[in-house]
PDB file of N, CA and C in Angstrom:
ATOM      1  N   MET A   1      14.957   4.132  -5.620  1.00  0.00           N
ATOM      2  CA  MET A   1      13.783   4.416  -5.350  1.00  0.00           C
ATOM      3  C   MET A   1      13.066   2.940  -4.815  1.00  0.00           C
ATOM      4  N   PRO A   2      12.680   2.762  -3.929  1.00  0.00           N
ATOM      5  CA  PRO A   2      11.897   1.656  -3.427  1.00  0.00           C
ATOM      6  C   PRO A   2      10.292   1.359  -3.907  1.00  0.00           C
ATOM      7  N   TYR A   3      10.028   0.394  -4.124  1.00  0.00           N
ATOM      8  CA  TYR A   3       8.409   0.284  -4.102  1.00  0.00           C
ATOM      9  C   TYR A   3       7.571   0.535  -2.682  1.00  0.00           C
ATOM     10  N   LEU A   4       6.870   0.699  -2.316  1.00  0.00           N
ATOM     11  CA  LEU A   4       5.928   0.717  -1.155  1.00  0.00           C
ATOM     12  C   LEU A   4       4.833  -0.160  -1.593  1.00  0.00           C
ATOM     13  N   VAL A   5       4.336  -1.344  -1.050  1.00  0.00           N
ATOM     14  CA  VAL A   5       3.314  -2.432  -1.285  1.00  0.00           C
ATOM     15  C   VAL A   5       2.601  -2.533  -0.362  1.00  0.00           C
ATOM     16  N   THR A   6       1.412  -2.240  -0.122  1.00  0.00           N
ATOM     17  CA  THR A   6       0.321  -2.504   0.613  1.00  0.00           C
ATOM     18  C   THR A   6      -0.670  -3.370   0.364  1.00  0.00           C
ATOM     19  N   PHE A   7      -0.842  -4.550   0.831  1.00  0.00           N
ATOM     20  CA  PHE A   7      -2.028  -5.615   0.896  1.00  0.00           C
ATOM     21  C   PHE A   7      -2.862  -5.334   2.049  1.00  0.00           C
ATOM     22  N   VAL A   8      -4.235  -5.420   1.854  1.00  0.00           N
ATOM     23  CA  VAL A   8      -5.165  -5.398   2.768  1.00  0.00           C
ATOM     24  C   VAL A   8      -6.305  -6.449   2.362  1.00  0.00           C
ATOM     25  N   ARG A   9      -6.807  -7.481   3.549  1.00  0.00           N
ATOM     26  CA  ARG A   9      -7.975  -8.249   3.207  1.00  0.00           C
ATOM     27  C   ARG A   9      -8.812  -8.013   3.971  1.00  0.00           C
ATOM     28  N   TRP A  10     -10.081  -7.870   4.014  1.00  0.00           N
ATOM     29  CA  TRP A  10     -10.835  -8.388   4.747  1.00  0.00           C
ATOM     30  C   TRP A  10     -12.291  -9.128   4.286  1.00  0.00           C
ATOM     31  N   PRO A  11     -12.981  -9.587   5.498  1.00  0.00           N
ATOM     32  CA  PRO A  11     -14.201 -10.265   5.036  1.00  0.00           C
ATOM     33  C   PRO A  11     -15.516  -9.957   4.457  1.00  0.00           C
ATOM     34  N   SER A  12     -16.113 -10.633   3.141  1.00  0.00           N
ATOM     35  CA  SER A  12     -17.166  -9.792   2.742  1.00  0.00           C
ATOM     36  C   SER A  12     -18.190  -9.055   3.312  1.00  0.00           C
ATOM     37  N   GLU A  13     -18.592  -9.910   4.455  1.00  0.00           N
ATOM     38  CA  GLU A  13     -19.441  -9.071   5.527  1.00  0.00           C
ATOM     39  C   GLU A  13     -18.741  -7.710   6.037  1.00  0.00           C
ATOM     40  N   SER A  14     -17.820  -7.572   5.922  1.00  0.00           N
ATOM     41  CA  SER A  14     -17.122  -5.863   6.567  1.00  0.00           C
ATOM     42  C   SER A  14     -17.226  -4.951   5.618  1.00  0.00           C
ATOM     43  N   THR A  15     -17.431  -5.550   4.128  1.00  0.00           N
ATOM     44  CA  THR A  15     -17.228  -4.525   3.012  1.00  0.00           C
ATOM     45  C   THR A  15     -17.803  -2.977   3.276  1.00  0.00           C
ATOM     46  N   ALA A  16     -19.536  -2.990   3.781  1.00  0.00           N
ATOM     47  CA  ALA A  16     -20.163  -1.871   4.222  1.00  0.00           C
ATOM     48  C   ALA A  16     -19.225  -1.238   5.161  1.00  0.00           C
ATOM     49  N   GLU A  17     -18.494  -1.681   6.102  1.00  0.00           N
ATOM     50  CA  GLU A  17     -17.984  -1.287   7.261  1.00  0.00           C
ATOM     51  C   GLU A  17     -16.675  -0.242   6.569  1.00  0.00           C
ATOM     52  N   MET A  18     -16.097  -1.135   5.668  1.00  0.00           N
ATOM     53  CA  MET A  18     -14.605  -0.977   4.871  1.00  0.00           C
ATOM     54  C   MET A  18     -14.868   0.466   4.243  1.00  0.00           C
ATOM     55  N   ILE A  19     -16.367   0.383   3.524  1.00  0.00           N
ATOM     56  CA  ILE A  19     -16.208   1.726   2.811  1.00  0.00           C
ATOM     57  C   ILE A  19     -16.566   2.778   3.466  1.00  0.00           C
ATOM     58  N   LYS A  20     -17.366   2.976   4.368  1.00  0.00           N
ATOM     59  CA  LYS A  20     -17.238   3.930   5.302  1.00  0.00           C
ATOM     60  C   LYS A  20     -15.975   4.699   5.859  1.00  0.00           C
ATOM     61  N   LYS A  21     -15.128   3.524   6.060  1.00  0.00           N
ATOM     62  CA  LYS A  21     -13.780   3.961   6.406  1.00  0.00           C
ATOM     63  C   LYS A  21     -13.020   4.304   5.289  1.00  0.00           C
ATOM     64  N   ALA A  22     -13.312   3.939   4.292  1.00  0.00           N
ATOM     65  CA  ALA A  22     -12.447   4.281   2.836  1.00  0.00           C
ATOM     66  C   ALA A  22     -12.581   5.895   2.636  1.00  0.00           C
ATOM     67  N   ILE A  23     -14.374   6.387   3.013  1.00  0.00           N
ATOM     68  CA  ILE A  23     -13.969   7.557   2.675  1.00  0.00           C
ATOM     69  C   ILE A  23     -14.013   8.484   3.753  1.00  0.00           C
ATOM     70  N   ALA A  24     -14.125   8.251   4.821  1.00  0.00           N
ATOM     71  CA  ALA A  24     -12.873   8.890   6.048  1.00  0.00           C
ATOM     72  C   ALA A  24     -11.760   8.628   5.437  1.00  0.00           C
ATOM     73  N   VAL A  25     -10.896   7.750   5.404  1.00  0.00           N
ATOM     74  CA  VAL A  25      -9.394   8.131   4.633  1.00  0.00           C
ATOM     75  C   VAL A  25      -9.324   8.925   4.081  1.00  0.00           C
ATOM     76  N   ALA A  26      -9.704   8.596   2.679  1.00  0.00           N
ATOM     77  CA  ALA A  26      -9.957   9.179   1.726  1.00  0.00           C
ATOM     78  C   ALA A  26      -9.781  11.007   2.130  1.00  0.00           C
ATOM     79  N   LYS A  27     -10.806  11.326   3.074  1.00  0.00           N
ATOM     80  CA  LYS A  27     -10.896  12.600   3.265  1.00  0.00           C
ATOM     81  C   LYS A  27      -9.661  13.230   4.271  1.00  0.00           C
ATOM     82  N   LYS A  28      -9.108  12.478   5.104  1.00  0.00           N
ATOM     83  CA  LYS A  28      -8.201  12.812   5.769  1.00  0.00           C
ATOM     84  C   LYS A  28      -6.761  12.677   5.039  1.00  0.00           C
ATOM     85  N   PHE A  29      -7.045  11.998   4.120  1.00  0.00           N
ATOM     86  CA  PHE A  29      -5.288  11.547   3.456  1.00  0.00           C
ATOM     87  C   PHE A  29      -5.513  11.793   1.849  1.00  0.00           C
ATOM     88  N   PRO A  30      -5.817  12.571   1.340  1.00  0.00           N
ATOM     89  CA  PRO A  30      -5.849  13.008  -0.213  1.00  0.00           C
ATOM     90  C   PRO A  30      -4.867  12.443  -0.971  1.00  0.00           C
ATOM     91  N   PRO A  31      -4.904  12.241  -1.989  1.00  0.00           N
ATOM     92  CA  PRO A  31      -3.682  11.883  -2.710  1.00  0.00           C
ATOM     93  C   PRO A  31      -2.834  12.648  -2.775  1.00  0.00           C
ATOM     94  N   ASP A  32      -1.230  12.640  -2.760  1.00  0.00           N
ATOM     95  CA  ASP A  32      -0.302  13.344  -2.461  1.00  0.00           C
ATOM     96  C   ASP A  32       0.894  12.998  -3.255  1.00  0.00           C
ATOM     97  N   ASP A  33       1.169  13.457  -4.153  1.00  0.00           N
ATOM     98  CA  ASP A  33       2.663  12.836  -5.181  1.00  0.00           C
ATOM     99  C   ASP A  33       3.719  13.662  -4.682  1.00  0.00           C
ATOM    100  N   SER A  34       3.808  14.092  -3.830  1.00  0.00           N
ATOM    101  CA  SER A  34       5.368  14.516  -2.937  1.00  0.00           C
ATOM    102  C   SER A  34       6.082  13.349  -2.614  1.00  0.00           C
ATOM    103  N   PHE A  35       5.041  12.324  -2.248  1.00  0.00           N
ATOM    104  CA  PHE A  35       5.856  11.034  -1.649  1.00  0.00           C
ATOM    105  C   PHE A  35       6.295   9.737  -2.821  1.00  0.00           C
ATOM    106  N   GLY A  36       5.722  10.073  -4.088  1.00  0.00           N
ATOM    107  CA  GLY A  36       6.353   9.056  -5.095  1.00  0.00           C
ATOM    108  C   GLY A  36       5.163   8.872  -6.116  1.00  0.00           C
ATOM    109  N   GLU A  37       5.311   8.057  -7.002  1.00  0.00           N
ATOM    110  CA  GLU A  37       4.218   8.062  -8.155  1.00  0.00           C
ATOM    111  C   GLU A  37       3.589   6.628  -7.693  1.00  0.00           C
ATOM    112  N   ALA A  38       2.145   6.820  -7.611  1.00  0.00           N
ATOM    113  CA  ALA A  38       1.212   5.743  -7.264  1.00  0.00           C
ATOM    114  C   ALA A  38       1.245   4.897  -8.553  1.00  0.00           C
ATOM    115  N   LEU A  39       1.880   3.724  -8.610  1.00  0.00           N
ATOM    116  CA  LEU A  39       1.591   2.766 -10.077  1.00  0.00           C
ATOM    117  C   LEU A  39       0.300   1.808  -9.852  1.00  0.00           C
ATOM    118  N   VAL A  40       0.121   1.357  -8.898  1.00  0.00           N
ATOM    119  CA  VAL A  40      -1.081   0.717  -8.792  1.00  0.00           C
ATOM    120  C   VAL A  40      -1.661   1.751  -7.329  1.00  0.00           C
ATOM    121  N   PRO A  41      -2.673   2.712  -7.675  1.00  0.00           N
ATOM    122  CA  PRO A  41      -2.962   3.251  -6.442  1.00  0.00           C
ATOM    123  C   PRO A  41      -4.155   2.402  -5.832  1.00  0.00           C
ATOM    124  N   ASN A  42      -5.076   1.781  -6.445  1.00  0.00           N
ATOM    125  CA  ASN A  42      -6.000   0.625  -5.702  1.00  0.00           C
ATOM    126  C   ASN A  42      -6.337  -0.304  -6.743  1.00  0.00           C
ATOM    127  N   ALA A  43      -5.979  -1.566  -6.358  1.00  0.00           N
ATOM    128  CA  ALA A  43      -6.397  -3.020  -7.345  1.00  0.00           C
ATOM    129  C   ALA A  43      -7.328  -3.808  -6.276  1.00  0.00           C
ATOM    130  N   ILE A  44      -8.399  -4.096  -6.856  1.00  0.00           N
ATOM    131  CA  ILE A  44      -9.223  -5.081  -5.716  1.00  0.00           C
ATOM    132  C   ILE A  44      -9.390  -6.287  -6.815  1.00  0.00           C
ATOM    133  N   ASN A  45      -9.522  -7.189  -5.597  1.00  0.00           N
ATOM    134  CA  ASN A  45     -10.232  -8.662  -6.198  1.00  0.00           C
ATOM    135  C   ASN A  45     -10.773  -9.398  -4.889  1.00  0.00           C
ATOM    136  N   SER A  46     -11.182 -10.252  -5.384  1.00  0.00           N
ATOM    137  CA  SER A  46     -12.145 -11.243  -4.237  1.00  0.00           C
ATOM    138  C   SER A  46     -12.124 -12.607  -4.643  1.00  0.00           C
ATOM    139  N   ASP A  47     -12.212 -13.166  -3.412  1.00  0.00           N
ATOM    140  CA  ASP A  47     -12.000 -14.905  -3.623  1.00  0.00           C
ATOM    141  C   ASP A  47     -12.897 -15.058  -2.341  1.00  0.00           C
ATOM    142  N   MET A  48     -12.760 -16.548  -2.122  1.00  0.00           N
ATOM    143  CA  MET A  48     -14.023 -17.352  -1.108  1.00  0.00           C
ATOM    144  C   MET A  48     -13.679 -16.923   0.201  1.00  0.00           C
ATOM    145  N   ASP A  49     -12.215 -16.370   0.460  1.00  0.00           N
ATOM    146  CA  ASP A  49     -12.083 -15.761   1.861  1.00  0.00           C
ATOM    147  C   ASP A  49     -12.014 -14.217   2.075  1.00  0.00           C
ATOM    148  N   GLY A  50     -12.804 -13.350   1.185  1.00  0.00           N
ATOM    149  CA  GLY A  50     -13.290 -12.118   1.201  1.00  0.00           C
ATOM    150  C   GLY A  50     -12.583 -11.101  -0.104  1.00  0.00           C
ATOM    151  N   ILE A  51     -12.307 -10.100   0.343  1.00  0.00           N
ATOM    152  CA  ILE A  51     -12.060  -9.035  -0.634  1.00  0.00           C
ATOM    153  C   ILE A  51     -10.488  -8.579  -0.479  1.00  0.00           C
ATOM    154  N   LYS A  52     -10.105  -8.557  -1.268  1.00  0.00           N
ATOM    155  CA  LYS A  52      -8.331  -8.103  -1.444  1.00  0.00           C
ATOM    156  C   LYS A  52      -8.219  -6.697  -2.174  1.00  0.00           C
ATOM    157  N   SER A  53      -7.352  -5.825  -1.601  1.00  0.00           N
ATOM    158  CA  SER A  53      -6.867  -4.860  -1.882  1.00  0.00           C
ATOM    159  C   SER A  53      -5.391  -4.449  -2.191  1.00  0.00           C
ATOM    160  N   LEU A  54      -4.553  -4.383  -3.219  1.00  0.00           N
ATOM    161  CA  LEU A  54      -3.295  -4.081  -3.478  1.00  0.00           C
ATOM    162  C   LEU A  54      -2.881  -2.768  -4.063  1.00  0.00           C
ATOM    163  N   SER A  55      -2.056  -2.082  -3.191  1.00  0.00           N
ATOM    164  CA  SER A  55      -1.403  -0.729  -3.832  1.00  0.00           C
ATOM    165  C   SER A  55       0.200  -0.428  -3.920  1.00  0.00           C
ATOM    166  N   VAL A  56       0.516   0.071  -5.046  1.00  0.00           N
ATOM    167  CA  VAL A  56       2.147  -0.165  -5.150  1.00  0.00           C
ATOM    168  C   VAL A  56       2.225   1.457  -5.442  1.00  0.00           C
ATOM    169  N   THR A  57       3.599   1.821  -4.836  1.00  0.00           N
ATOM    170  CA  THR A  57       3.929   3.504  -5.081  1.00  0.00           C
ATOM    171  C   THR A  57       5.376   3.242  -5.256  1.00  0.00           C
ATOM    172  N   LEU A  58       6.079   3.843  -6.442  1.00  0.00           N
ATOM    173  CA  LEU A  58       7.304   4.029  -6.527  1.00  0.00           C
ATOM    174  C   LEU A  58       7.743   5.141  -5.573  1.00  0.00           C
ATOM    175  N   VAL A  59       8.589   5.474  -4.682  1.00  0.00           N
ATOM    176  CA  VAL A  59       8.773   6.058  -3.443  1.00  0.00           C
ATOM    177  C   VAL A  59       9.862   6.987  -4.037  1.00  0.00           C
ATOM    178  N   LYS A  60       9.448   8.285  -4.032  1.00  0.00           N
ATOM    179  CA  LYS A  60      10.640   9.441  -4.180  1.00  0.00           C
ATOM    180  C   LYS A  60      12.096   9.087  -3.226  1.00  0.00           C
ATOM    181  N   GLU A  61      13.003   9.343  -3.826  1.00  0.00           N
ATOM    182  CA  GLU A  61      14.144   9.218  -2.819  1.00  0.00           C
ATOM    183  C   GLU A  61      13.922  10.430  -1.623  1.00  0.00           C
ATOM    184  N   GLY A  62      14.568   9.833  -0.621  1.00  0.00           N
ATOM    185  CA  GLY A  62      14.391  10.359   0.830  1.00  0.00           C
ATOM    186  C   GLY A  62      12.920  10.384   1.392  1.00  0.00           C
ATOM    187  N   LYS A  63      12.088   9.432   0.787  1.00  0.00           N
ATOM    188  CA  LYS A  63      10.576   9.620   1.286  1.00  0.00           C
ATOM    189  C   LYS A  63      10.108   8.577   1.970  1.00  0.00           C
ATOM    190  N   LEU A  64      10.999   7.387   2.114  1.00  0.00           N
ATOM    191  CA  LEU A  64      10.639   5.920   2.410  1.00  0.00           C
ATOM    192  C   LEU A  64       9.796   6.053   3.890  1.00  0.00           C
ATOM    193  N   GLU A  65      10.825   6.761   4.707  1.00  0.00           N
ATOM    194  CA  GLU A  65       9.924   6.537   5.982  1.00  0.00           C
ATOM    195  C   GLU A  65       8.818   7.301   6.273  1.00  0.00           C
ATOM    196  N   GLU A  66       8.488   8.676   5.516  1.00  0.00           N
ATOM    197  CA  GLU A  66       7.442   9.263   5.531  1.00  0.00           C
ATOM    198  C   GLU A  66       6.498   8.835   4.976  1.00  0.00           C
ATOM    199  N   ILE A  67       6.714   8.141   4.041  1.00  0.00           N
ATOM    200  CA  ILE A  67       5.425   7.443   3.299  1.00  0.00           C
ATOM    201  C   ILE A  67       5.016   6.187   4.021  1.00  0.00           C
ATOM    202  N   ARG A  68       5.610   5.517   4.849  1.00  0.00           N
ATOM    203  CA  ARG A  68       5.382   4.245   5.712  1.00  0.00           C
ATOM    204  C   ARG A  68       4.915   4.798   6.450  1.00  0.00           C
ATOM    205  N   ARG A  69       5.142   5.753   7.224  1.00  0.00           N
ATOM    206  CA  ARG A  69       4.108   6.369   8.578  1.00  0.00           C
ATOM    207  C   ARG A  69       2.983   7.124   8.121  1.00  0.00           C
ATOM    208  N   ARG A  70       2.915   7.349   6.686  1.00  0.00           N
ATOM    209  CA  ARG A  70       1.721   7.765   6.467  1.00  0.00           C
ATOM    210  C   ARG A  70       0.737   6.597   6.174  1.00  0.00           C
ATOM    211  N   ALA A  71       1.109   5.403   5.369  1.00  0.00           N
ATOM    212  CA  ALA A  71       0.401   4.360   5.039  1.00  0.00           C
ATOM    213  C   ALA A  71      -0.010   3.579   6.521  1.00  0.00           C
ATOM    214  N   MET A  72       0.789   3.541   7.488  1.00  0.00           N
ATOM    215  CA  MET A  72       0.285   3.351   8.805  1.00  0.00           C
ATOM    216  C   MET A  72      -0.717   4.006   9.529  1.00  0.00           C
ATOM    217  N   ALA A  73      -0.558   5.014   9.377  1.00  0.00           N
ATOM    218  CA  ALA A  73      -1.702   6.226   9.781  1.00  0.00           C
ATOM    219  C   ALA A  73      -3.035   5.664   9.206  1.00  0.00           C
ATOM    220  N   MET A  74      -2.745   5.618   7.958  1.00  0.00           N
ATOM    221  CA  MET A  74      -4.069   5.291   6.988  1.00  0.00           C
ATOM    222  C   MET A  74      -4.707   3.974   7.245  1.00  0.00           C
ATOM    223  N   VAL A  75      -3.930   2.572   7.566  1.00  0.00           N
ATOM    224  CA  VAL A  75      -4.472   0.972   7.704  1.00  0.00           C
ATOM    225  C   VAL A  75      -4.950   1.213   9.229  1.00  0.00           C
ATOM    226  N   ASN A  76      -4.461   2.102  10.021  1.00  0.00           N
ATOM    227  CA  ASN A  76      -4.886   2.045  11.711  1.00  0.00           C
ATOM    228  C   ASN A  76      -6.028   2.591  11.779  1.00  0.00           C
ATOM    229  N   MET A  77      -6.580   3.592  10.997  1.00  0.00           N
ATOM    230  CA  MET A  77      -8.130   3.435  10.579  1.00  0.00           C
ATOM    231  C   MET A  77      -9.052   2.807  10.238  1.00  0.00           C
ATOM    232  N   TYR A  78      -8.513   1.796   9.870  1.00  0.00           N
ATOM    233  CA  TYR A  78      -9.374   0.694   9.330  1.00  0.00           C
ATOM    234  C   TYR A  78      -9.250  -0.716  11.049  1.00  0.00           C
ATOM    235  N   LEU A  79      -8.494  -0.509  11.757  1.00  0.00           N
ATOM    236  CA  LEU A  79      -8.289  -1.728  12.558  1.00  0.00           C
ATOM    237  C   LEU A  79      -9.683  -2.072  13.211  1.00  0.00           C
ATOM    238  N   ALA A  80     -10.259  -1.388  13.518  1.00  0.00           N
ATOM    239  CA  ALA A  80     -11.543  -1.552  14.129  1.00  0.00           C
ATOM    240  C   ALA A  80     -12.614  -2.480  13.224  1.00  0.00           C
ATOM    241  N   VAL A  81     -12.484  -2.418  11.820  1.00  0.00           N
ATOM    242  CA  VAL A  81     -13.354  -3.261  11.293  1.00  0.00           C
ATOM    243  C   VAL A  81     -13.126  -4.941  11.503  1.00  0.00           C
ATOM    244  N   PRO A  82     -14.219  -5.588  11.646  1.00  0.00           N
ATOM    245  CA  PRO A  82     -14.114  -6.964  11.952  1.00  0.00           C
ATOM    246  C   PRO A  82     -13.186  -7.712  10.867  1.00  0.00           C
ATOM    247  N   GLY A  83     -11.917  -8.365  10.833  1.00  0.00           N
ATOM    248  CA  GLY A  83     -11.646  -8.995  10.026  1.00  0.00           C
ATOM    249  C   GLY A  83     -10.547  -8.345   9.508  1.00  0.00           C
ATOM    250  N   PHE A  84     -10.091  -7.311   9.428  1.00  0.00           N
ATOM    251  CA  PHE A  84      -9.131  -6.607   8.580  1.00  0.00           C
ATOM    252  C   PHE A  84      -7.637  -6.820   8.954  1.00  0.00           C
ATOM    253  N   LYS A  85      -7.392  -7.211   7.687  1.00  0.00           N
ATOM    254  CA  LYS A  85      -5.633  -7.524   7.947  1.00  0.00           C
ATOM    255  C   LYS A  85      -4.968  -6.808   6.765  1.00  0.00           C
ATOM    256  N   TYR A  86      -3.582  -6.190   7.239  1.00  0.00           N
ATOM    257  CA  TYR A  86      -2.634  -5.747   6.509  1.00  0.00           C
ATOM    258  C   TYR A  86      -1.449  -6.161   6.392  1.00  0.00           C
ATOM    259  N   SER A  87      -0.619  -5.514   5.289  1.00  0.00           N
ATOM    260  CA  SER A  87       0.762  -5.799   5.243  1.00  0.00           C
ATOM    261  C   SER A  87       1.321  -4.524   4.326  1.00  0.00           C
ATOM    262  N   ILE A  88       2.285  -3.805   5.046  1.00  0.00           N
ATOM    263  CA  ILE A  88       3.193  -3.095   4.378  1.00  0.00           C
ATOM    264  C   ILE A  88       4.197  -3.378   3.966  1.00  0.00           C
ATOM    265  N   GLU A  89       5.019  -3.550   2.810  1.00  0.00           N
ATOM    266  CA  GLU A  89       6.284  -4.154   2.668  1.00  0.00           C
ATOM    267  C   GLU A  89       7.069  -3.328   1.846  1.00  0.00           C
ATOM    268  N   THR A  90       8.237  -3.292   2.024  1.00  0.00           N
ATOM    269  CA  THR A  90       9.089  -2.531   0.930  1.00  0.00           C
ATOM    270  C   THR A  90      10.083  -3.343  -0.053  1.00  0.00           C
ATOM    271  N   TRP A  91       9.743  -3.106  -1.197  1.00  0.00           N
ATOM    272  CA  TRP A  91      10.516  -3.655  -2.351  1.00  0.00           C
ATOM    273  C   TRP A  91      11.065  -3.138  -3.050  1.00  0.00           C
ATOM    274  N   ALA A  92      12.450  -4.064  -3.371  1.00  0.00           N
ATOM    275  CA  ALA A  92      13.364  -3.306  -4.384  1.00  0.00           C
ATOM    276  C   ALA A  92      12.963  -3.190  -5.432  1.00  0.00           C
ATOM    277  N   THR A  93      13.385  -1.697  -6.241  1.00  0.00           N
ATOM    278  CA  THR A  93      13.564  -1.840  -7.754  1.00  0.00           C
ATOM    279  C   THR A  93      14.332  -3.228  -8.105  1.00  0.00           C
ATOM    280  N   ILE A  94      14.538  -3.600  -9.794  1.00  0.00           N
ATOM    281  CA  ILE A  94      15.547  -4.566 -10.087  1.00  0.00           C
ATOM    282  C   ILE A  94      16.667  -3.689 -10.128  1.00  0.00           C
ATOM    283  N   GLU A  95      16.827  -2.278 -10.358  1.00  0.00           N
ATOM    284  CA  GLU A  95      17.873  -1.955 -10.223  1.00  0.00           C
ATOM    285  C   GLU A  95      18.814  -1.742  -8.886  1.00  0.00           C
ATOM    286  N   GLU A  96      18.014  -1.574  -7.781  1.00  0.00           N
ATOM    287  CA  GLU A  96      18.199  -1.545  -6.382  1.00  0.00           C
ATOM    288  C   GLU A  96      18.672  -3.334  -6.405  1.00  0.00           C
ATOM    289  N   ALA A  97      18.049  -3.954  -6.695  1.00  0.00           N
ATOM    290  CA  ALA A  97      18.243  -5.437  -6.348  1.00  0.00           C
ATOM    291  C   ALA A  97      19.880  -5.941  -6.873  1.00  0.00           C
ATOM    292  N   TYR A  98      19.714  -5.462  -8.175  1.00  0.00           N
ATOM    293  CA  TYR A  98      21.262  -5.762  -8.834  1.00  0.00           C
ATOM    294  C   TYR A  98      22.297  -5.039  -8.361  1.00  0.00           C
ATOM    295  N   THR A  99      21.985  -3.829  -7.939  1.00  0.00           N
ATOM    296  CA  THR A  99      23.253  -2.976  -7.215  1.00  0.00           C
ATOM    297  C   THR A  99      23.844  -3.583  -5.971  1.00  0.00           C
ATOM    298  N   SER A 100      22.472  -4.096  -5.395  1.00  0.00           N
ATOM    299  CA  SER A 100      22.975  -4.752  -3.866  1.00  0.00           C
ATOM    300  C   SER A 100      23.772  -5.791  -3.856  1.00  0.00           C
ATOM    301  N   ILE A 101      23.913  -6.577  -5.213  1.00  0.00           N
ATOM    302  CA  ILE A 101      24.992  -7.722  -5.399  1.00  0.00           C
ATOM    303  C   ILE A 101      25.928  -7.576  -6.229  1.00  0.00           C
ATOM    304  N   GLY A 102      26.226  -5.795  -6.341  1.00  0.00           N
ATOM    305  CA  GLY A 102      27.396  -5.697  -7.011  1.00  0.00           C
ATOM    306  C   GLY A 102      27.250  -5.613  -8.685  1.00  0.00           C
ATOM    307  N   GLN A 103      25.918  -5.829  -9.125  1.00  0.00           N
ATOM    308  CA  GLN A 103      25.474  -6.113 -10.580  1.00  0.00           C
ATOM    309  C   GLN A 103      25.292  -5.301 -11.441  1.00  0.00           C
ATOM    310  N   THR A 104      24.805  -4.897 -12.433  1.00  0.00           N
ATOM    311  CA  THR A 104      23.884  -3.925 -13.067  1.00  0.00           C
ATOM    312  C   THR A 104      23.256  -5.152 -13.694  1.00  0.00           C
ATOM    313  N   PRO A 105      21.727  -4.346 -13.522  1.00  0.00           N
ATOM    314  CA  PRO A 105      20.443  -5.136 -14.284  1.00  0.00           C
ATOM    315  C   PRO A 105      20.544  -5.485 -16.123  1.00  0.00           C
ATOM    316  N   PRO A 106      20.328  -6.544 -17.068  1.00  0.00           N
ATOM    317  CA  PRO A 106      20.456  -6.751 -18.328  1.00  0.00           C
ATOM    318  C   PRO A 106      19.429  -5.833 -18.706  1.00  0.00           C
ATOM    319  N   GLU A 107      19.992  -5.340 -19.696  1.00  0.00           N
ATOM    320  CA  GLU A 107      19.451  -4.228 -20.894  1.00  0.00           C
ATOM    321  C   GLU A 107      18.032  -5.115 -21.552  1.00  0.00           C
TER     322      GLU A 107
END
């Protein structure tokens, strides 16, 4: 069961537009536990370059492609926001990483 990690960044001056989009996205894509467990539903930070958001979901078995499509549809709704950037990444759990090299993780 991998993690789906989504990073989002936008300039501070686009925050008002991002909030409007976030409300529309939340209405169209309400939380859905059928894809996995939202370990970090939405963490926010800022720096001199703007605002950053991070979410991490532990994906259920057999749901990776489905949750990736959903995540793409969600971020696509933000593409018109000036300066909006994102990445959607699949990360291995420690168990998956060790198994991939024929080992078991330490206890």
